[in-house]
Amino acid sequence: MVGWRRSALVRGSFLLNVVFALYVAVHVAAPPRLLAPRASLTLIHDNLTASPEPVDYPTEGEPTIDDPSEPPAPPTPAPTLQEKVYPDLHTCHTPTLTFRPALHGTHWVLYNYVPADTQPACNESVTYTTHADFTFLDNVVPLVERWRGPVSAAVFAPGGDFNTTLRTVAFLRTCRPLVAKHVTFHLFFPADHMPNHVPPTAQLLAQRPSCSTPPPYLATHTYKRAHNLTYPVNIARNIARRAAATYFVLASDVELYPSLDFINFFMDMMRRQDASRAAAPTRRVYVLPIFEVKSGFRPPTTKAALVRMLKRGSAIPFHKFVCPQCHKVPGMREWADSNASDTVNVVMVAKRHPPYHHWEPIYVGTHLEPLYDERLSWEGRSDKMTQMYVMCVLDYEFHVLDNAFLVHRPGIKRHRRDRHRDLLTARQNALLHSKITPELHTIYGKRGMCFL
């Protein structure tokens, strides 16, 4: 009996040793296995009354966050030009075209004296801002026929020219419906050359002159010429631009006619991606190249027609025989070679650096661009150079547009000697170099490759 018990104990001890050896082999000698990570737990706030939200575990067959079979998230679309550079476009304020007299330096200005019959919202269009005296107002007709949008026109009307200007405006509004629809006239004159009377706007709008009579703008006598007054071109430019009721403005001259459908093309470009490679928004304006055509030729309305005229020699770059460096556009060969289409795109991004340091482009910008120096007259020339210098120092980009242009009233300009104007030019150059240039250096500083 004792022998049987001893034999049982020996067998039991042997089995326990085998089991223990197997346990050691499995849990100690074998390498460790990593446990599958658990789903993260919702953090509980310090507030003891708060209860954790239940964890949303995936059900069977549903892909998890780390599941490679789940399609990647689509890339974030690049911002549009409007979103990147003009984020406040859709929140701009549209002012009413209300008559407002104001003293501007030594000149009285009658803002919105004759308002247009229609007015688009500030974020829906581009205003063509321009200037003239009454003898140039015939150009408003072909201009507005092409533009088909808001025009802000500052008209110099000193002394007796004021009444002739009123008759001209009434004639154009009556006989050219597009003028009444789109053009707002702001009249201005020196405080020491006042008109005898300023009638209410309603009185002017009530006039219905005959369209069969000679237009008043054909009058040969002018108060301005009789009193030897210079034309305050930059005062006029600034008045027209300040009075524009849209976010975007094209500050131009009244004898420059735009290509067709520009407003729609330009606003559509705002909905596409930016042409500039800069990651951050840059100061920039949008340049329209300028051309001249020979007398007797109809100014082209499309790029295709213009390119044909350039090849035949009936159209040339603007001021080719007067000041070719003033309107030499960077990328002109690329511009001419780019395909004409129903869109406007940027064909070249340039700076006003040599050899383009005398460039005087006309462009679409906003109300934030530098204004023109009002001490400079048209007769003294170089009236836009100070603005261009400031824009160069501020490191503006000039985005040249491919399917847009301006064409001057027919007739090729050539240099003609004018002793009186040469004298005024010498005086204005002296003012530029002795006074204005040092002022600009003090206010804006200097930048390499920027010249006045």
Protein backbone atom coordinates (compact mmCIF):
# COMPACT_ATOMS: atom_id res chain seq x y z
CA MET A 1 0.00 0.00 0.00
CA VAL A 2 2.86 2.32 0.91
CA GLY A 3 4.64 1.38 -2.30
CA TRP A 4 1.58 2.25 -4.41
CA ARG A 5 1.32 5.71 -2.79
CA ARG A 6 5.00 6.42 -3.37
CA SER A 7 4.64 5.39 -7.02
CA ALA A 8 1.62 7.74 -7.44
CA LEU A 9 3.50 10.66 -5.95
CA VAL A 10 6.44 10.07 -8.27
CA ARG A 11 4.17 9.98 -11.32
CA GLY A 12 2.32 13.16 -10.19
CA SER A 13 5.57 15.00 -9.61
CA PHE A 14 6.77 14.00 -13.07
CA LEU A 15 3.58 15.36 -14.72
CA LEU A 16 3.85 18.66 -12.83
CA ASN A 17 7.44 19.06 -14.03
CA VAL A 18 6.38 18.44 -17.64
CA VAL A 19 3.57 21.02 -17.39
CA PHE A 20 5.91 23.59 -15.80
CA ALA A 21 8.54 23.02 -18.52
CA LEU A 22 5.93 23.57 -21.25
CA TYR A 23 4.76 26.80 -19.56
CA VAL A 24 8.31 28.17 -19.42
CA ALA A 25 8.94 27.26 -23.05
CA VAL A 26 5.82 29.09 -24.23
CA HIS A 27 5.84 32.25 -22.05
CA VAL A 28 9.54 32.87 -21.40
CA ALA A 29 11.64 31.47 -24.22
CA ALA A 30 9.28 32.57 -27.04
CA PRO A 31 9.50 36.26 -28.21
CA PRO A 32 6.81 38.65 -26.94
CA ARG A 33 3.78 39.49 -29.12
CA LEU A 34 2.47 43.05 -29.44
CA LEU A 35 -1.11 43.50 -28.54
CA ALA A 36 -3.46 45.09 -30.96
CA PRO A 37 -4.02 48.70 -29.90
CA ARG A 38 -7.28 49.44 -28.25
CA ALA A 39 -9.60 52.12 -29.39
CA SER A 40 -8.80 55.39 -27.66
CA LEU A 41 -11.06 56.24 -24.81
CA THR A 42 -12.99 59.42 -24.52
CA LEU A 43 -11.44 61.79 -22.01
CA ILE A 44 -13.55 62.61 -18.99
CA HIS A 45 -13.63 66.21 -17.83
CA ASP A 46 -12.60 67.07 -14.29
CA ASN A 47 -16.23 67.76 -13.61
CA LEU A 48 -17.37 64.57 -11.89
CA THR A 49 -20.90 64.96 -13.10
CA ALA A 50 -19.81 64.77 -16.72
CA SER A 51 -20.12 61.44 -18.41
CA PRO A 52 -17.99 60.28 -21.32
CA GLU A 53 -19.51 60.06 -24.76
CA PRO A 54 -19.75 56.46 -26.00
CA VAL A 55 -16.97 55.34 -28.31
CA ASP A 56 -18.21 54.78 -31.84
CA TYR A 57 -16.52 51.48 -32.71
CA PRO A 58 -16.71 50.42 -36.35
CA THR A 59 -19.06 47.62 -37.19
CA GLU A 60 -18.01 44.54 -39.06
CA GLY A 61 -17.07 45.34 -42.68
CA GLU A 62 -16.78 49.10 -42.07
CA PRO A 63 -13.29 50.59 -42.85
CA THR A 64 -11.37 52.03 -39.95
CA ILE A 65 -9.34 55.27 -39.99
CA ASP A 66 -6.12 53.41 -40.71
CA ASP A 67 -7.70 51.15 -43.30
CA PRO A 68 -5.63 51.49 -46.53
CA SER A 69 -8.67 50.53 -48.58
CA GLU A 70 -10.37 53.86 -47.72
CA PRO A 71 -9.98 56.41 -50.61
CA PRO A 72 -7.79 59.45 -49.75
CA ALA A 73 -9.44 62.80 -49.09
CA PRO A 74 -9.67 64.99 -52.24
CA PRO A 75 -7.05 67.78 -52.42
CA THR A 76 -8.12 71.25 -51.34
CA PRO A 77 -8.87 73.31 -54.49
CA ALA A 78 -6.58 76.27 -55.16
CA PRO A 79 -8.18 79.61 -54.29
CA THR A 80 -9.54 81.75 -57.10
CA LEU A 81 -7.95 85.06 -57.97
CA GLN A 82 -10.76 86.86 -56.18
CA GLU A 83 -10.42 84.70 -53.05
CA LYS A 84 -6.63 85.11 -52.91
CA VAL A 85 -6.17 88.80 -53.76
CA TYR A 86 -9.57 90.49 -53.42
CA PRO A 87 -11.39 88.74 -50.53
CA ASP A 88 -13.40 91.90 -49.80
CA LEU A 89 -14.82 92.18 -53.34
CA HIS A 90 -18.22 90.75 -52.40
CA THR A 91 -18.56 92.95 -49.32
CA CYS A 92 -17.82 96.28 -51.04
CA HIS A 93 -20.28 99.17 -50.68
CA THR A 94 -22.10 100.56 -53.71
CA PRO A 95 -22.51 104.33 -53.25
CA THR A 96 -25.42 106.21 -54.76
CA LEU A 97 -24.73 108.62 -57.61
CA THR A 98 -25.85 111.65 -55.64
CA PHE A 99 -24.85 115.18 -56.64
CA ARG A 100 -22.15 116.50 -54.32
CA PRO A 101 -20.25 119.77 -54.76
CA ALA A 102 -16.82 119.94 -53.15
CA LEU A 103 -13.78 122.20 -53.13
CA HIS A 104 -10.77 120.21 -54.33
CA GLY A 105 -7.65 122.28 -53.74
CA THR A 106 -8.12 125.34 -55.94
CA HIS A 107 -10.89 123.74 -58.01
CA TRP A 108 -14.61 123.32 -57.47
CA VAL A 109 -15.89 119.84 -58.36
CA LEU A 110 -19.52 118.98 -59.07
CA TYR A 111 -19.44 115.24 -58.38
CA ASN A 112 -22.21 113.22 -60.08
CA TYR A 113 -23.61 116.44 -61.55
CA VAL A 114 -25.15 114.42 -64.40
CA PRO A 115 -25.49 110.80 -63.22
CA ALA A 116 -25.91 107.77 -65.46
CA ASP A 117 -29.39 106.29 -65.70
CA THR A 118 -28.16 102.86 -64.53
CA GLN A 119 -25.69 101.74 -61.90
CA PRO A 120 -24.35 98.19 -61.38
CA ALA A 121 -23.36 96.82 -57.98
CA CYS A 122 -19.78 97.60 -56.99
CA ASN A 123 -18.68 93.95 -57.33
CA GLU A 124 -20.31 93.26 -60.69
CA SER A 125 -18.46 95.55 -63.10
CA VAL A 126 -15.44 97.74 -63.89
CA THR A 127 -15.67 101.52 -64.22
CA TYR A 128 -13.87 103.21 -67.09
CA THR A 129 -12.64 106.48 -65.54
CA THR A 130 -11.66 109.22 -67.96
CA HIS A 131 -11.45 112.97 -68.49
CA ALA A 132 -11.86 115.66 -71.16
CA ASP A 133 -13.01 119.15 -71.95
CA PHE A 134 -16.13 119.55 -74.08
CA THR A 135 -14.15 119.54 -77.37
CA PHE A 136 -13.17 115.88 -76.78
CA LEU A 137 -16.56 114.56 -75.61
CA ASP A 138 -17.42 113.15 -79.04
CA ASN A 139 -15.04 110.30 -78.11
CA VAL A 140 -17.44 109.19 -75.38
CA VAL A 141 -19.74 107.70 -78.04
CA PRO A 142 -17.39 105.02 -79.52
CA LEU A 143 -15.95 104.46 -76.07
CA VAL A 144 -19.25 103.57 -74.43
CA GLU A 145 -20.43 101.55 -77.46
CA ARG A 146 -17.51 99.21 -76.83
CA TRP A 147 -17.42 99.38 -73.03
CA ARG A 148 -21.15 98.83 -72.30
CA GLY A 149 -20.60 99.53 -68.62
CA PRO A 150 -20.14 102.38 -66.12
CA VAL A 151 -18.05 105.38 -67.22
CA SER A 152 -16.92 108.11 -64.80
CA ALA A 153 -15.97 111.23 -66.78
CA ALA A 154 -14.40 114.35 -65.26
CA VAL A 155 -14.94 117.33 -67.57
CA PHE A 156 -12.91 120.55 -67.28
CA ALA A 157 -15.40 123.41 -67.69
CA PRO A 158 -13.93 126.79 -66.69
CA GLY A 159 -15.85 130.05 -67.11
CA GLY A 160 -17.88 130.20 -70.32
CA ASP A 161 -16.96 126.62 -71.27
CA PHE A 162 -19.35 125.48 -68.54
CA ASN A 163 -22.47 126.34 -70.56
CA THR A 164 -21.10 124.76 -73.75
CA THR A 165 -20.29 121.65 -71.72
CA LEU A 166 -23.86 121.48 -70.43
CA ARG A 167 -25.24 121.72 -73.98
CA THR A 168 -22.82 119.01 -75.13
CA VAL A 169 -23.83 116.65 -72.31
CA ALA A 170 -27.53 117.24 -73.00
CA PHE A 171 -26.97 116.57 -76.72
CA LEU A 172 -25.08 113.32 -76.09
CA ARG A 173 -27.62 112.04 -73.57
CA THR A 174 -30.52 112.78 -75.91
CA CYS A 175 -29.01 111.57 -79.17
CA ARG A 176 -26.84 108.69 -77.91
CA PRO A 177 -28.90 106.55 -75.48
CA LEU A 178 -25.87 104.51 -74.34
CA VAL A 179 -24.28 107.72 -73.04
CA ALA A 180 -27.34 108.43 -70.88
CA LYS A 181 -27.39 104.83 -69.69
CA HIS A 182 -23.75 104.43 -68.65
CA VAL A 183 -21.88 107.77 -68.33
CA THR A 184 -21.74 109.89 -65.17
CA PHE A 185 -20.35 113.40 -65.70
CA HIS A 186 -18.44 115.34 -63.02
CA LEU A 187 -17.77 118.96 -63.97
CA PHE A 188 -14.91 120.93 -62.42
CA PHE A 189 -13.33 124.38 -62.82
CA PRO A 190 -10.80 126.65 -61.06
CA ALA A 191 -12.20 128.76 -58.23
CA ASP A 192 -10.98 131.89 -60.05
CA HIS A 193 -12.69 130.86 -63.32
CA MET A 194 -16.25 130.23 -62.08
CA PRO A 195 -19.28 129.92 -64.36
CA ASN A 196 -22.00 132.55 -64.06
CA HIS A 197 -24.62 130.05 -62.94
CA VAL A 198 -24.88 126.36 -62.01
CA PRO A 199 -28.40 125.15 -62.82
CA PRO A 200 -29.98 122.21 -60.96
CA THR A 201 -29.32 118.77 -62.46
CA ALA A 202 -33.06 118.24 -63.04
CA GLN A 203 -33.13 121.26 -65.35
CA LEU A 204 -30.36 119.79 -67.47
CA LEU A 205 -31.96 116.33 -67.59
CA ALA A 206 -35.22 117.87 -68.79
CA GLN A 207 -33.56 119.31 -71.92
CA ARG A 208 -34.27 117.59 -75.25
CA PRO A 209 -32.05 119.24 -77.89
CA SER A 210 -32.48 118.44 -81.57
CA CYS A 211 -30.18 115.72 -82.86
CA SER A 212 -30.21 117.24 -86.36
CA THR A 213 -28.37 120.38 -85.28
CA PRO A 214 -24.54 120.54 -85.21
CA PRO A 215 -23.22 119.05 -81.98
CA PRO A 216 -22.08 121.69 -79.45
CA TYR A 217 -18.68 119.99 -79.07
CA LEU A 218 -17.76 121.26 -82.56
CA ALA A 219 -17.51 124.85 -81.27
CA THR A 220 -14.13 126.34 -82.11
CA HIS A 221 -14.00 129.06 -79.46
CA THR A 222 -13.17 127.97 -75.93
CA TYR A 223 -12.79 129.91 -72.70
CA LYS A 224 -9.81 127.72 -71.81
CA ARG A 225 -7.87 128.70 -74.91
CA ALA A 226 -8.87 132.36 -74.73
CA HIS A 227 -7.53 132.60 -71.16
CA ASN A 228 -4.43 130.49 -71.89
CA LEU A 229 -5.30 127.89 -69.24
CA THR A 230 -3.36 124.64 -69.04
CA TYR A 231 -5.26 121.39 -68.81
CA PRO A 232 -5.09 119.94 -65.25
CA VAL A 233 -4.95 116.36 -66.45
CA ASN A 234 -4.07 114.72 -63.14
CA ILE A 235 -6.73 116.60 -61.19
CA ALA A 236 -9.21 115.30 -63.77
CA ARG A 237 -7.89 111.73 -63.51
CA ASN A 238 -8.15 111.73 -59.73
CA ILE A 239 -11.67 113.20 -59.72
CA ALA A 240 -12.93 110.55 -62.14
CA ARG A 241 -11.29 107.72 -60.21
CA ARG A 242 -12.42 108.87 -56.78
CA ALA A 243 -15.99 109.12 -58.04
CA ALA A 244 -16.07 105.60 -59.54
CA ALA A 245 -18.70 103.49 -57.79
CA THR A 246 -17.20 100.04 -58.51
CA TYR A 247 -14.40 98.08 -56.82
CA PHE A 248 -12.33 97.84 -60.02
CA VAL A 249 -11.44 100.84 -62.19
CA LEU A 250 -9.71 101.34 -65.53
CA ALA A 251 -8.16 104.83 -65.45
CA SER A 252 -7.71 105.78 -69.10
CA ASP A 253 -7.93 108.62 -71.62
CA VAL A 254 -11.08 109.46 -73.52
CA GLU A 255 -9.48 108.90 -76.96
CA LEU A 256 -8.56 105.30 -76.09
CA TYR A 257 -11.27 102.82 -77.08
CA PRO A 258 -11.40 99.38 -75.38
CA SER A 259 -11.79 95.98 -77.02
CA LEU A 260 -15.24 94.41 -76.90
CA ASP A 261 -16.79 92.66 -73.90
CA PHE A 262 -13.88 93.40 -71.60
CA ILE A 263 -15.94 93.71 -68.42
CA ASN A 264 -17.40 90.19 -68.68
CA PHE A 265 -14.00 88.71 -69.56
CA PHE A 266 -12.28 90.44 -66.65
CA MET A 267 -14.88 89.51 -64.03
CA ASP A 268 -14.75 85.90 -65.26
CA MET A 269 -10.97 85.91 -64.76
CA MET A 270 -11.58 86.70 -61.07
CA ARG A 271 -13.19 83.27 -60.73
CA ARG A 272 -10.09 81.44 -62.01
CA GLN A 273 -6.72 80.75 -60.39
CA ASP A 274 -4.08 83.43 -59.97
CA ALA A 275 -1.35 83.70 -62.60
CA SER A 276 1.22 84.96 -60.09
CA ARG A 277 3.50 82.33 -58.54
CA ALA A 278 3.71 84.25 -55.28
CA ALA A 279 2.13 82.33 -52.42
CA ALA A 280 0.87 85.50 -50.74
CA PRO A 281 -1.20 88.18 -52.46
CA THR A 282 0.94 90.70 -54.32
CA ARG A 283 0.35 94.29 -55.29
CA ARG A 284 -0.64 94.09 -58.91
CA VAL A 285 -2.57 95.75 -61.74
CA TYR A 286 -3.81 94.39 -65.09
CA VAL A 287 -2.36 96.02 -68.19
CA LEU A 288 -4.12 96.56 -71.53
CA PRO A 289 -1.61 97.12 -74.39
CA ILE A 290 -2.30 100.26 -76.46
CA PHE A 291 -2.20 100.69 -80.25
CA GLU A 292 -2.71 103.30 -82.96
CA VAL A 293 -4.33 102.90 -86.37
CA LYS A 294 -3.92 104.94 -89.52
CA SER A 295 -6.44 107.64 -90.40
CA GLY A 296 -9.33 106.28 -92.43
CA PHE A 297 -9.21 102.86 -90.75
CA ARG A 298 -11.87 101.71 -88.35
CA PRO A 299 -10.40 100.88 -84.92
CA PRO A 300 -10.45 97.10 -84.43
CA THR A 301 -12.77 95.65 -81.82
CA THR A 302 -11.19 92.20 -81.44
CA LYS A 303 -7.65 90.92 -81.05
CA ALA A 304 -7.85 88.87 -84.27
CA ALA A 305 -8.69 91.99 -86.26
CA LEU A 306 -5.95 93.98 -84.51
CA VAL A 307 -3.27 91.36 -85.21
CA ARG A 308 -4.20 91.39 -88.92
CA MET A 309 -3.81 95.18 -88.97
CA LEU A 310 -0.45 94.97 -87.20
CA LYS A 311 0.83 92.53 -89.83
CA ARG A 312 -0.36 94.81 -92.64
CA GLY A 313 1.12 97.93 -91.06
CA SER A 314 -2.18 99.76 -90.64
CA ALA A 315 -1.83 99.49 -86.85
CA ILE A 316 1.26 100.14 -84.72
CA PRO A 317 2.13 100.19 -80.99
CA PHE A 318 1.01 103.39 -79.29
CA HIS A 319 3.34 106.42 -79.55
CA LYS A 320 5.81 104.50 -81.70
CA PHE A 321 6.95 107.76 -83.30
CA VAL A 322 6.55 109.98 -80.23
CA CYS A 323 7.75 108.08 -77.16
CA PRO A 324 8.26 104.39 -77.98
CA GLN A 325 9.84 103.58 -74.59
CA CYS A 326 6.75 104.97 -72.79
CA HIS A 327 4.48 102.21 -74.08
CA LYS A 328 6.87 99.36 -74.81
CA VAL A 329 5.03 96.41 -73.28
CA PRO A 330 6.96 93.42 -71.87
CA GLY A 331 6.04 90.19 -73.65
CA MET A 332 4.61 91.90 -76.73
CA ARG A 333 5.70 89.05 -79.00
CA GLU A 334 4.01 86.52 -76.70
CA TRP A 335 0.95 88.75 -76.68
CA ALA A 336 0.70 88.84 -80.47
CA ASP A 337 1.31 85.08 -80.75
CA SER A 338 -1.22 84.06 -78.09
CA ASN A 339 -4.48 82.75 -79.47
CA ALA A 340 -7.50 85.01 -79.57
CA SER A 341 -10.33 83.56 -77.48
CA ASP A 342 -13.46 84.45 -75.55
CA THR A 343 -11.51 84.80 -72.30
CA VAL A 344 -8.96 87.15 -70.81
CA ASN A 345 -5.79 85.65 -69.35
CA VAL A 346 -2.46 86.92 -68.07
CA VAL A 347 0.20 86.39 -70.73
CA MET A 348 3.08 88.05 -68.86
CA VAL A 349 3.88 89.17 -65.30
CA ALA A 350 6.42 92.00 -65.32
CA LYS A 351 7.98 94.71 -63.18
CA ARG A 352 8.72 98.28 -64.22
CA HIS A 353 12.45 97.60 -64.40
CA PRO A 354 14.95 98.35 -67.20
CA PRO A 355 14.51 98.33 -70.12
CA TYR A 356 10.90 99.19 -69.20
CA HIS A 357 11.68 101.89 -66.62
CA HIS A 358 9.94 104.59 -68.73
CA TRP A 359 6.80 102.50 -69.19
CA GLU A 360 3.47 104.30 -68.66
CA PRO A 361 0.91 101.47 -68.83
CA ILE A 362 -2.83 101.88 -68.55
CA TYR A 363 -4.35 99.25 -66.33
CA VAL A 364 -7.25 97.94 -64.30
CA GLY A 365 -6.72 98.41 -60.57
CA THR A 366 -8.67 99.33 -57.46
CA HIS A 367 -9.12 102.49 -55.41
CA LEU A 368 -6.01 101.53 -53.42
CA GLU A 369 -3.54 102.28 -56.22
CA PRO A 370 -1.50 105.51 -55.95
CA LEU A 371 -3.16 108.64 -57.29
CA TYR A 372 -1.65 111.06 -59.82
CA ASP A 373 0.41 114.12 -58.84
CA GLU A 374 -1.91 117.06 -59.38
CA ARG A 375 0.90 119.59 -59.80
CA LEU A 376 1.60 118.18 -63.26
CA SER A 377 -0.25 119.37 -66.37
CA TRP A 378 -0.86 117.68 -69.70
CA GLU A 379 1.11 120.35 -71.56
CA GLY A 380 4.22 119.70 -69.41
CA ARG A 381 4.33 115.99 -70.35
CA SER A 382 5.52 113.11 -68.12
CA ASP A 383 2.32 113.49 -66.10
CA LYS A 384 2.04 109.77 -65.21
CA MET A 385 5.73 109.15 -64.42
CA THR A 386 5.48 109.94 -60.70
CA GLN A 387 2.71 107.40 -60.19
CA MET A 388 4.70 104.78 -62.09
CA TYR A 389 7.80 105.46 -59.97
CA VAL A 390 5.82 105.02 -56.75
CA MET A 391 4.35 101.73 -58.01
CA CYS A 392 7.83 100.49 -58.88
CA VAL A 393 9.16 101.34 -55.42
CA LEU A 394 6.15 99.55 -53.90
CA ASP A 395 7.14 96.50 -56.00
CA TYR A 396 3.96 96.23 -58.05
CA GLU A 397 3.45 93.40 -60.51
CA PHE A 398 2.10 94.35 -63.92
CA HIS A 399 -0.04 91.53 -65.32
CA VAL A 400 -0.34 91.93 -69.09
CA LEU A 401 -3.68 90.66 -70.42
CA ASP A 402 -3.79 88.68 -73.65
CA ASN A 403 -7.20 89.26 -75.24
CA ALA A 404 -7.72 92.87 -74.21
CA PHE A 405 -6.35 96.13 -75.60
CA LEU A 406 -6.96 99.84 -76.11
CA VAL A 407 -6.81 101.54 -79.49
CA HIS A 408 -6.42 105.28 -80.00
CA ARG A 409 -8.76 107.35 -82.10
CA PRO A 410 -7.62 106.89 -85.74
CA GLY A 411 -4.52 108.82 -86.71
CA ILE A 412 -0.82 108.05 -86.21
CA LYS A 413 0.85 110.50 -83.83
CA ARG A 414 4.19 111.96 -84.82
CA HIS A 415 6.48 114.31 -82.95
CA ARG A 416 5.85 117.96 -83.80
CA ARG A 417 7.85 120.88 -82.51
CA ASP A 418 5.81 123.16 -80.22
CA ARG A 419 7.93 125.91 -78.68
CA HIS A 420 5.30 126.94 -76.14
CA ARG A 421 4.81 123.37 -74.99
CA ASP A 422 8.56 122.76 -74.95
CA LEU A 423 8.87 125.69 -72.53
CA LEU A 424 6.16 124.20 -70.27
CA THR A 425 7.88 120.82 -70.46
CA ALA A 426 11.19 122.33 -69.31
CA ARG A 427 9.45 123.98 -66.35
CA GLN A 428 7.66 120.77 -65.41
CA ASN A 429 10.88 118.75 -65.65
CA ALA A 430 12.57 121.23 -63.33
CA LEU A 431 9.70 120.83 -60.85
CA LEU A 432 9.97 117.04 -61.09
CA HIS A 433 13.70 116.94 -60.39
CA SER A 434 14.06 119.76 -57.88
CA LYS A 435 10.96 119.22 -55.72
CA ILE A 436 8.79 116.21 -56.53
CA THR A 437 11.56 113.60 -56.78
CA PRO A 438 13.08 114.46 -53.36
CA GLU A 439 9.58 114.35 -51.85
CA LEU A 440 8.95 110.88 -53.25
CA HIS A 441 12.31 109.66 -51.98
CA THR A 442 11.43 110.92 -48.50
CA ILE A 443 7.94 109.39 -48.46
CA TYR A 444 8.52 106.10 -50.32
CA GLY A 445 12.27 105.66 -50.28
CA LYS A 446 14.28 104.20 -53.15
CA ARG A 447 14.49 100.79 -54.78
CA GLY A 448 17.05 99.45 -57.20
CA MET A 449 15.97 99.54 -60.88
CA CYS A 450 13.24 102.14 -60.15
CA PHE A 451 13.72 105.43 -61.98
CA LEU A 452 11.71 108.63 -62.39
